[in-house]
Amino acid sequence: MPDATLPISLRLARRDIEQLKARALTVSGTLTGVARQLILTGLAGGDNKALAERLMHIERRLAALESLARELRQSAQNITAVTSDLRAKFDALLSALSSAEGAA
């Protein structure tokens, strides 16, 4: 497992934690995710090429997520259409059976 990860523990002052929380809120992320990205950016050591590669990786992941979201939205719309069609057919069948019982 070349990409295995290990947990680490950091102690930060309350004001630093509050800054992390504020940044996480700003980017709609989690405290842990923001801390991880800051650490990884720091490890890049200002290497613009490494930072650019990380940004491209993040952009590709976002594009993949957007594609999945579009597919899910389309699937949900298809399910809604099929459900509406089935409901209409069920109501028509129920109506037909009800009128047939009244006639008999």
Protein backbone atom coordinates (compact mmCIF):
# COMPACT_ATOMS: atom_id res chain seq x y z
CA MET A 1 0.00 0.00 0.00
CA PRO A 2 2.11 2.91 -1.24
CA ASP A 3 -0.58 5.50 -0.46
CA ALA A 4 -1.34 4.32 3.07
CA THR A 5 -2.07 7.14 5.48
CA LEU A 6 -1.29 7.50 9.16
CA PRO A 7 -3.14 9.65 11.68
CA ILE A 8 -1.33 12.47 13.46
CA SER A 9 -2.31 14.56 16.43
CA LEU A 10 -1.70 18.29 16.78
CA ARG A 11 -2.20 20.63 19.67
CA LEU A 12 -3.22 24.12 18.67
CA ALA A 13 -4.16 27.22 20.60
CA ARG A 14 -7.88 28.00 20.73
CA ARG A 15 -7.43 31.04 18.49
CA ASP A 16 -5.74 28.87 15.86
CA ILE A 17 -8.54 26.33 16.02
CA GLU A 18 -11.09 29.14 15.65
CA GLN A 19 -9.23 30.38 12.56
CA LEU A 20 -9.31 26.88 11.10
CA LYS A 21 -13.04 26.62 11.82
CA ALA A 22 -13.65 29.99 10.17
CA ARG A 23 -11.71 28.95 7.08
CA ALA A 24 -13.55 25.62 6.96
CA LEU A 25 -16.87 27.47 7.12
CA THR A 26 -15.76 29.81 4.34
CA VAL A 27 -14.86 26.97 1.98
CA SER A 28 -17.71 24.69 3.13
CA GLY A 29 -15.21 22.12 4.33
CA THR A 30 -14.38 20.37 7.53
CA LEU A 31 -11.88 21.42 10.15
CA THR A 32 -9.83 18.28 9.51
CA GLY A 33 -9.93 18.74 5.74
CA VAL A 34 -8.74 22.35 5.94
CA ALA A 35 -5.96 21.42 8.36
CA ARG A 36 -4.88 18.57 6.05
CA GLN A 37 -4.75 20.87 3.02
CA LEU A 38 -2.77 23.50 4.92
CA ILE A 39 -0.27 20.90 6.09
CA LEU A 40 0.11 19.45 2.60
CA THR A 41 0.54 22.92 1.13
CA GLY A 42 3.20 23.62 3.73
CA LEU A 43 4.92 20.36 2.88
CA ALA A 44 5.00 21.43 -0.76
CA GLY A 45 7.42 24.06 0.58
CA GLY A 46 6.37 26.73 -1.81
CA ASP A 47 7.10 24.47 -4.76
CA ASN A 48 4.78 25.99 -7.34
CA LYS A 49 4.84 22.88 -9.54
CA ALA A 50 3.76 20.62 -6.66
CA LEU A 51 1.10 23.11 -5.61
CA ALA A 52 -0.16 23.37 -9.19
CA GLU A 53 -0.35 19.58 -9.43
CA ARG A 54 -2.36 19.42 -6.20
CA LEU A 55 -4.73 22.10 -7.49
CA MET A 56 -5.19 20.23 -10.76
CA HIS A 57 -5.87 17.04 -8.81
CA ILE A 58 -8.50 18.86 -6.75
CA GLU A 59 -10.02 20.37 -9.89
CA ARG A 60 -10.27 16.92 -11.52
CA ARG A 61 -11.96 15.55 -8.42
CA LEU A 62 -14.43 18.44 -8.43
CA ALA A 63 -15.18 17.89 -12.12
CA ALA A 64 -15.82 14.19 -11.45
CA LEU A 65 -18.14 15.08 -8.57
CA GLU A 66 -20.02 17.57 -10.74
CA SER A 67 -20.45 14.88 -13.38
CA LEU A 68 -21.80 12.46 -10.77
CA ALA A 69 -24.16 15.13 -9.47
CA ARG A 70 -25.53 15.71 -12.99
CA GLU A 71 -26.02 11.96 -13.46
CA LEU A 72 -27.79 11.66 -10.11
CA ARG A 73 -30.05 14.61 -10.92
CA GLN A 74 -30.94 13.03 -14.27
CA SER A 75 -31.63 9.67 -12.59
CA ALA A 76 -33.83 11.36 -10.00
CA GLN A 77 -35.77 13.15 -12.75
CA ASN A 78 -36.22 9.84 -14.60
CA ILE A 79 -37.43 8.13 -11.44
CA THR A 80 -39.87 10.98 -10.80
CA ALA A 81 -41.24 10.71 -14.35
CA VAL A 82 -41.66 6.93 -14.10
CA THR A 83 -43.28 7.26 -10.67
CA SER A 84 -45.74 9.84 -11.99
CA ASP A 85 -46.57 7.62 -14.97
CA LEU A 86 -47.13 4.59 -12.75
CA ARG A 87 -49.29 6.64 -10.39
CA ALA A 88 -51.45 7.83 -13.29
CA LYS A 89 -51.83 4.26 -14.59
CA PHE A 90 -52.69 3.01 -11.09
CA ASP A 91 -55.30 5.72 -10.66
CA ALA A 92 -56.79 4.91 -14.08
CA LEU A 93 -56.90 1.20 -13.24
CA LEU A 94 -58.47 1.89 -9.86
CA SER A 95 -61.05 4.13 -11.50
CA ALA A 96 -61.83 1.51 -14.15
CA LEU A 97 -62.20 -1.24 -11.55
CA SER A 98 -64.36 0.96 -9.35
CA SER A 99 -66.70 1.84 -12.22
CA ALA A 100 -66.86 -1.82 -13.30
CA GLU A 101 -67.91 -2.84 -9.79
CA GLY A 102 -70.63 -0.18 -9.75
CA ALA A 103 -71.95 -1.37 -13.10
CA ALA A 104 -72.09 -5.03 -12.03
